[in-house]
Amino acid sequence: MLRNMRRSEKTEEIAENWQSVFTGIAVISNRVTPSHRDTKGRPEWYDALVSYSGPEARPILSIKDLGLNLKYSSGTIVSLCGTIFEHQVLSWGNGDRVCYAHFMRELVRQRLDVPPAGWVMRDSYLRD
């Protein structure tokens, strides 16, 4: 997608400065997030959630569909299929907390006329 954006006058400048495989990044600061699925991506795409917080914060990431409540301490990175798994941050405790949520958007892929990537398969990494 970046290659296509670098070829267009309208998007060339921003594409030269964008250094991520993700098409979007959201910054979530000092708040819980309601239970949700990321409906604008594709099931085979992963989101990357990166949490930073002070020592007094005790964030909990809940992945409802799996019945998991995970400690989401500062420096934790969680990759999940956000389109498939319903997830939320239940609380963060005291102090400051920020999450950088990296994600992909299907409409960006369609607009740039790039074929979708398929599922990552274990066999792709096995040696003969």
N, C-alpha and C. Protein backbone atom coordinates (compact mmCIF):
# COMPACT_ATOMS: atom_id res chain seq x y z
N MET A 1 0.81 -1.18 0.00
CA MET A 1 0.00 0.00 0.00
C MET A 1 0.86 1.25 0.00
N LEU A 2 1.93 1.22 0.81
CA LEU A 2 2.82 2.39 0.84
C LEU A 2 3.45 2.65 -0.52
N ARG A 3 3.81 1.59 -1.21
CA ARG A 3 4.39 1.76 -2.54
C ARG A 3 3.41 2.49 -3.47
N ASN A 4 2.14 2.11 -3.42
CA ASN A 4 1.14 2.78 -4.25
C ASN A 4 0.96 4.22 -3.82
N MET A 5 0.98 4.48 -2.52
CA MET A 5 0.81 5.85 -2.04
C MET A 5 2.00 6.73 -2.42
N ARG A 6 3.18 6.14 -2.47
CA ARG A 6 4.37 6.92 -2.85
C ARG A 6 4.35 7.31 -4.33
N ARG A 7 3.54 6.66 -5.12
CA ARG A 7 3.44 6.95 -6.56
C ARG A 7 2.42 8.05 -6.86
N SER A 8 1.64 8.44 -5.90
CA SER A 8 0.59 9.44 -6.12
C SER A 8 1.03 10.79 -5.55
N GLU A 9 0.81 11.84 -6.32
CA GLU A 9 1.15 13.19 -5.85
C GLU A 9 0.40 13.55 -4.58
N LYS A 10 -0.85 13.08 -4.45
CA LYS A 10 -1.68 13.42 -3.30
C LYS A 10 -1.18 12.80 -2.00
N THR A 11 -0.54 11.64 -2.07
CA THR A 11 -0.15 10.93 -0.85
C THR A 11 1.35 10.68 -0.75
N GLU A 12 2.11 11.12 -1.72
CA GLU A 12 3.55 10.83 -1.75
C GLU A 12 4.27 11.31 -0.49
N GLU A 13 4.02 12.55 -0.09
CA GLU A 13 4.75 13.13 1.04
C GLU A 13 4.48 12.37 2.35
N ILE A 14 3.22 12.11 2.65
CA ILE A 14 2.89 11.39 3.89
C ILE A 14 3.40 9.95 3.83
N ALA A 15 3.34 9.31 2.68
CA ALA A 15 3.80 7.93 2.55
C ALA A 15 5.30 7.81 2.75
N GLU A 16 6.04 8.83 2.39
CA GLU A 16 7.49 8.81 2.60
C GLU A 16 7.83 8.86 4.09
N ASN A 17 6.95 9.45 4.88
CA ASN A 17 7.21 9.60 6.32
C ASN A 17 6.55 8.52 7.17
N TRP A 18 5.64 7.76 6.59
CA TRP A 18 4.91 6.73 7.34
C TRP A 18 5.75 5.46 7.38
N GLN A 19 6.18 5.05 8.57
CA GLN A 19 7.09 3.91 8.71
C GLN A 19 6.43 2.74 9.42
N SER A 20 5.24 2.38 9.00
CA SER A 20 4.51 1.30 9.66
C SER A 20 3.78 0.47 8.62
N VAL A 21 3.61 -0.81 8.90
CA VAL A 21 2.80 -1.65 8.02
C VAL A 21 1.32 -1.41 8.29
N PHE A 22 0.98 -0.78 9.42
CA PHE A 22 -0.40 -0.51 9.78
C PHE A 22 -0.88 0.76 9.08
N THR A 23 -2.17 0.80 8.75
CA THR A 23 -2.72 1.98 8.08
C THR A 23 -3.22 3.02 9.07
N GLY A 24 -3.29 2.68 10.35
CA GLY A 24 -3.74 3.65 11.34
C GLY A 24 -3.19 3.36 12.72
N ILE A 25 -3.09 4.40 13.52
CA ILE A 25 -2.68 4.29 14.91
C ILE A 25 -3.59 5.19 15.72
N ALA A 26 -4.22 4.64 16.75
CA ALA A 26 -5.05 5.42 17.67
C ALA A 26 -4.31 5.55 19.00
N VAL A 27 -4.39 6.70 19.62
CA VAL A 27 -3.79 6.92 20.93
C VAL A 27 -4.93 7.02 21.93
N ILE A 28 -4.93 6.12 22.91
CA ILE A 28 -5.97 6.07 23.93
C ILE A 28 -5.30 6.39 25.27
N SER A 29 -5.75 7.44 25.92
CA SER A 29 -5.08 7.90 27.13
C SER A 29 -6.05 7.98 28.31
N ASN A 30 -5.65 7.34 29.42
CA ASN A 30 -6.37 7.44 30.69
C ASN A 30 -7.87 7.17 30.59
N ARG A 31 -8.20 6.08 29.94
CA ARG A 31 -9.61 5.71 29.88
C ARG A 31 -9.77 4.22 29.68
N VAL A 32 -10.90 3.71 30.10
CA VAL A 32 -11.27 2.34 29.78
C VAL A 32 -11.82 2.35 28.36
N THR A 33 -11.84 1.21 27.73
CA THR A 33 -12.46 1.10 26.41
C THR A 33 -13.60 0.10 26.51
N PRO A 34 -14.74 0.43 25.93
CA PRO A 34 -15.87 -0.50 25.99
C PRO A 34 -15.58 -1.76 25.18
N SER A 35 -16.29 -2.81 25.50
CA SER A 35 -16.12 -4.06 24.79
C SER A 35 -16.50 -3.86 23.33
N HIS A 36 -15.62 -4.30 22.42
CA HIS A 36 -15.85 -4.06 20.99
C HIS A 36 -15.05 -5.03 20.14
N ARG A 37 -15.41 -5.08 18.88
CA ARG A 37 -14.62 -5.71 17.82
C ARG A 37 -14.26 -4.60 16.85
N ASP A 38 -13.12 -4.72 16.19
CA ASP A 38 -12.69 -3.73 15.21
C ASP A 38 -13.28 -4.11 13.86
N THR A 39 -14.38 -3.52 13.52
CA THR A 39 -15.19 -3.97 12.38
C THR A 39 -14.70 -3.47 11.02
N LYS A 40 -13.67 -2.62 10.98
CA LYS A 40 -13.25 -2.05 9.70
C LYS A 40 -12.01 -2.71 9.12
N GLY A 41 -11.56 -3.80 9.75
CA GLY A 41 -10.41 -4.55 9.24
C GLY A 41 -10.86 -5.84 8.60
N ARG A 42 -9.96 -6.80 8.57
CA ARG A 42 -10.24 -8.12 8.04
C ARG A 42 -9.92 -9.15 9.12
N PRO A 43 -10.61 -10.28 9.14
CA PRO A 43 -10.36 -11.28 10.18
C PRO A 43 -8.91 -11.76 10.24
N GLU A 44 -8.22 -11.82 9.11
CA GLU A 44 -6.86 -12.35 9.11
C GLU A 44 -5.80 -11.31 9.47
N TRP A 45 -6.20 -10.09 9.75
CA TRP A 45 -5.24 -9.04 10.14
C TRP A 45 -5.19 -8.91 11.65
N TYR A 46 -4.00 -8.72 12.16
CA TYR A 46 -3.78 -8.53 13.58
C TYR A 46 -3.68 -7.04 13.92
N ASP A 47 -4.19 -6.68 15.08
CA ASP A 47 -3.96 -5.37 15.66
C ASP A 47 -2.80 -5.53 16.64
N ALA A 48 -2.04 -4.47 16.86
CA ALA A 48 -0.98 -4.48 17.87
C ALA A 48 -1.32 -3.40 18.88
N LEU A 49 -1.50 -3.81 20.12
CA LEU A 49 -1.83 -2.89 21.21
C LEU A 49 -0.62 -2.76 22.12
N VAL A 50 -0.15 -1.53 22.31
CA VAL A 50 1.04 -1.28 23.11
C VAL A 50 0.65 -0.40 24.28
N SER A 51 0.93 -0.87 25.50
CA SER A 51 0.51 -0.17 26.71
C SER A 51 1.72 0.43 27.44
N TYR A 52 1.58 1.69 27.85
CA TYR A 52 2.59 2.36 28.69
C TYR A 52 1.85 2.99 29.85
N SER A 53 2.39 2.83 31.06
CA SER A 53 1.74 3.41 32.23
C SER A 53 2.74 3.57 33.36
N GLY A 54 2.33 4.37 34.33
CA GLY A 54 3.14 4.54 35.53
C GLY A 54 3.03 3.31 36.42
N PRO A 55 3.88 3.24 37.45
CA PRO A 55 3.90 2.04 38.31
C PRO A 55 2.62 1.82 39.09
N GLU A 56 1.82 2.88 39.32
CA GLU A 56 0.59 2.72 40.09
C GLU A 56 -0.60 2.26 39.24
N ALA A 57 -0.45 2.26 37.94
CA ALA A 57 -1.52 1.79 37.06
C ALA A 57 -1.52 0.27 37.01
N ARG A 58 -2.69 -0.30 36.96
CA ARG A 58 -2.85 -1.76 36.90
C ARG A 58 -3.88 -2.11 35.82
N PRO A 59 -3.59 -1.81 34.55
CA PRO A 59 -4.58 -2.07 33.51
C PRO A 59 -4.85 -3.57 33.31
N ILE A 60 -6.09 -3.86 32.97
CA ILE A 60 -6.53 -5.22 32.67
C ILE A 60 -7.13 -5.22 31.27
N LEU A 61 -6.59 -6.06 30.39
CA LEU A 61 -7.14 -6.24 29.04
C LEU A 61 -7.99 -7.51 29.05
N SER A 62 -9.25 -7.36 28.72
CA SER A 62 -10.16 -8.49 28.69
C SER A 62 -10.42 -8.89 27.24
N ILE A 63 -10.21 -10.17 26.93
CA ILE A 63 -10.58 -10.71 25.62
C ILE A 63 -11.78 -11.62 25.88
N LYS A 64 -12.94 -11.02 25.76
CA LYS A 64 -14.20 -11.65 26.18
C LYS A 64 -14.44 -13.00 25.53
N ASP A 65 -14.22 -13.09 24.22
CA ASP A 65 -14.50 -14.34 23.49
C ASP A 65 -13.63 -15.50 23.95
N LEU A 66 -12.49 -15.21 24.53
CA LEU A 66 -11.60 -16.27 25.02
C LEU A 66 -11.70 -16.44 26.54
N GLY A 67 -12.47 -15.59 27.20
CA GLY A 67 -12.59 -15.66 28.65
C GLY A 67 -11.31 -15.27 29.37
N LEU A 68 -10.52 -14.38 28.78
CA LEU A 68 -9.23 -13.99 29.36
C LEU A 68 -9.27 -12.58 29.93
N ASN A 69 -8.66 -12.41 31.10
CA ASN A 69 -8.37 -11.11 31.66
C ASN A 69 -6.86 -11.07 31.88
N LEU A 70 -6.17 -10.21 31.14
CA LEU A 70 -4.71 -10.19 31.14
C LEU A 70 -4.17 -8.94 31.83
N LYS A 71 -3.11 -9.12 32.63
CA LYS A 71 -2.39 -7.96 33.13
C LYS A 71 -1.81 -7.24 31.92
N TYR A 72 -2.00 -5.96 31.89
CA TYR A 72 -1.63 -5.16 30.72
C TYR A 72 -0.65 -4.09 31.16
N SER A 73 0.42 -4.56 31.79
CA SER A 73 1.42 -3.68 32.40
C SER A 73 2.16 -2.84 31.38
N SER A 74 2.83 -1.81 31.85
CA SER A 74 3.59 -0.93 30.98
C SER A 74 4.62 -1.71 30.16
N GLY A 75 4.67 -1.42 28.87
CA GLY A 75 5.60 -2.10 27.98
C GLY A 75 5.03 -3.36 27.35
N THR A 76 3.82 -3.73 27.71
CA THR A 76 3.19 -4.92 27.14
C THR A 76 2.70 -4.65 25.72
N ILE A 77 2.95 -5.60 24.84
CA ILE A 77 2.43 -5.55 23.48
C ILE A 77 1.56 -6.78 23.28
N VAL A 78 0.33 -6.55 22.85
CA VAL A 78 -0.60 -7.65 22.58
C VAL A 78 -1.00 -7.58 21.12
N SER A 79 -0.85 -8.68 20.41
CA SER A 79 -1.34 -8.77 19.03
C SER A 79 -2.55 -9.70 19.04
N LEU A 80 -3.62 -9.23 18.45
CA LEU A 80 -4.81 -10.06 18.38
C LEU A 80 -5.61 -9.73 17.13
N CYS A 81 -6.43 -10.67 16.73
CA CYS A 81 -7.34 -10.44 15.62
C CYS A 81 -8.53 -9.66 16.19
N GLY A 82 -8.40 -8.34 16.18
CA GLY A 82 -9.40 -7.49 16.79
C GLY A 82 -10.74 -7.54 16.09
N THR A 83 -10.77 -7.97 14.84
CA THR A 83 -12.02 -8.11 14.11
C THR A 83 -12.78 -9.34 14.59
N ILE A 84 -12.06 -10.35 15.04
CA ILE A 84 -12.68 -11.59 15.49
C ILE A 84 -12.99 -11.57 16.98
N PHE A 85 -12.02 -11.15 17.79
CA PHE A 85 -12.14 -11.26 19.24
C PHE A 85 -12.63 -9.95 19.87
N GLU A 86 -13.72 -10.05 20.60
CA GLU A 86 -14.24 -8.90 21.35
C GLU A 86 -13.28 -8.62 22.51
N HIS A 87 -12.90 -7.36 22.67
CA HIS A 87 -11.91 -7.00 23.68
C HIS A 87 -12.22 -5.64 24.28
N GLN A 88 -11.63 -5.40 25.47
CA GLN A 88 -11.83 -4.14 26.17
C GLN A 88 -10.76 -3.99 27.26
N VAL A 89 -10.57 -2.76 27.71
CA VAL A 89 -9.76 -2.51 28.90
C VAL A 89 -10.75 -2.21 30.01
N LEU A 90 -10.76 -3.08 31.03
CA LEU A 90 -11.74 -2.98 32.11
C LEU A 90 -11.44 -1.81 33.04
N SER A 91 -10.18 -1.63 33.39
CA SER A 91 -9.78 -0.56 34.29
C SER A 91 -8.29 -0.34 34.11
N TRP A 92 -7.79 0.75 34.62
CA TRP A 92 -6.34 0.94 34.60
C TRP A 92 -5.80 1.31 35.97
N GLY A 93 -6.67 1.47 36.96
CA GLY A 93 -6.20 1.78 38.31
C GLY A 93 -5.90 3.26 38.44
N ASN A 94 -4.80 3.58 39.06
CA ASN A 94 -4.41 4.97 39.30
C ASN A 94 -3.28 5.39 38.37
N GLY A 95 -3.10 6.69 38.25
CA GLY A 95 -1.98 7.19 37.47
C GLY A 95 -2.31 7.28 36.00
N ASP A 96 -1.30 7.63 35.25
CA ASP A 96 -1.46 7.83 33.81
C ASP A 96 -1.21 6.54 33.04
N ARG A 97 -1.92 6.41 31.94
CA ARG A 97 -1.78 5.25 31.05
C ARG A 97 -2.05 5.70 29.63
N VAL A 98 -1.30 5.14 28.69
CA VAL A 98 -1.54 5.40 27.28
C VAL A 98 -1.42 4.08 26.52
N CYS A 99 -2.27 3.91 25.53
CA CYS A 99 -2.22 2.74 24.65
C CYS A 99 -2.11 3.23 23.22
N TYR A 100 -1.18 2.66 22.49
CA TYR A 100 -1.08 2.90 21.05
C TYR A 100 -1.67 1.68 20.37
N ALA A 101 -2.81 1.87 19.71
CA ALA A 101 -3.49 0.78 19.03
C ALA A 101 -3.19 0.88 17.53
N HIS A 102 -2.43 -0.08 17.02
CA HIS A 102 -2.06 -0.12 15.59
C HIS A 102 -3.03 -1.05 14.88
N PHE A 103 -3.56 -0.61 13.74
CA PHE A 103 -4.58 -1.39 13.06
C PHE A 103 -4.54 -1.15 11.56
N MET A 104 -5.29 -1.98 10.83
CA MET A 104 -5.41 -1.88 9.37
C MET A 104 -6.86 -1.58 9.03
N ARG A 105 -7.06 -0.89 7.92
CA ARG A 105 -8.40 -0.57 7.43
C ARG A 105 -8.60 -1.16 6.04
N GLU A 106 -9.66 -1.91 5.89
CA GLU A 106 -9.99 -2.55 4.62
C GLU A 106 -10.23 -1.51 3.52
N LEU A 107 -10.86 -0.40 3.84
CA LEU A 107 -11.14 0.62 2.82
C LEU A 107 -9.86 1.23 2.25
N VAL A 108 -8.82 1.34 3.07
CA VAL A 108 -7.54 1.84 2.56
C VAL A 108 -6.98 0.85 1.54
N ARG A 109 -7.01 -0.44 1.88
CA ARG A 109 -6.53 -1.47 0.96
C ARG A 109 -7.30 -1.44 -0.36
N GLN A 110 -8.63 -1.33 -0.25
CA GLN A 110 -9.46 -1.28 -1.46
C GLN A 110 -9.16 -0.04 -2.29
N ARG A 111 -9.04 1.11 -1.64
CA ARG A 111 -8.79 2.37 -2.35
C ARG A 111 -7.48 2.32 -3.12
N LEU A 112 -6.48 1.64 -2.56
CA LEU A 112 -5.17 1.56 -3.20
C LEU A 112 -5.05 0.36 -4.13
N ASP A 113 -6.14 -0.41 -4.25
CA ASP A 113 -6.21 -1.54 -5.17
C ASP A 113 -5.08 -2.54 -4.94
N VAL A 114 -4.92 -2.90 -3.66
CA VAL A 114 -3.90 -3.88 -3.27
C VAL A 114 -4.62 -5.16 -2.87
N PRO A 115 -4.21 -6.31 -3.40
CA PRO A 115 -4.88 -7.56 -3.00
C PRO A 115 -4.68 -7.82 -1.51
N PRO A 116 -5.69 -8.39 -0.85
CA PRO A 116 -5.55 -8.65 0.59
C PRO A 116 -4.55 -9.76 0.87
N ALA A 117 -3.84 -9.61 1.96
CA ALA A 117 -2.95 -10.68 2.41
C ALA A 117 -3.80 -11.79 3.01
N GLY A 118 -3.35 -13.01 2.89
CA GLY A 118 -4.08 -14.14 3.46
C GLY A 118 -3.64 -14.42 4.88
N TRP A 119 -4.12 -15.51 5.40
CA TRP A 119 -3.75 -15.94 6.75
C TRP A 119 -2.28 -16.34 6.78
N VAL A 120 -1.63 -16.10 7.89
CA VAL A 120 -0.28 -16.59 8.10
C VAL A 120 -0.41 -18.07 8.46
N MET A 121 0.30 -18.91 7.72
CA MET A 121 0.20 -20.34 7.93
C MET A 121 1.54 -20.89 8.41
N ARG A 122 1.47 -21.83 9.34
CA ARG A 122 2.68 -22.44 9.90
C ARG A 122 3.55 -23.04 8.80
N ASP A 123 2.96 -23.65 7.81
CA ASP A 123 3.70 -24.30 6.74
C ASP A 123 4.58 -23.33 5.95
N SER A 124 4.23 -22.05 5.98
CA SER A 124 5.04 -21.04 5.27
C SER A 124 6.44 -20.92 5.85
N TYR A 125 6.60 -21.34 7.11
CA TYR A 125 7.87 -21.15 7.81
C TYR A 125 8.65 -22.46 8.02
N LEU A 126 8.09 -23.57 7.60
CA LEU A 126 8.78 -24.85 7.77
C LEU A 126 9.82 -25.03 6.66
N ARG A 127 10.96 -25.57 7.05
CA ARG A 127 12.00 -25.86 6.07
C ARG A 127 11.81 -27.26 5.51
N ASP A 128 12.22 -27.44 4.27
CA ASP A 128 12.13 -28.77 3.65
C ASP A 128 13.20 -29.69 4.16
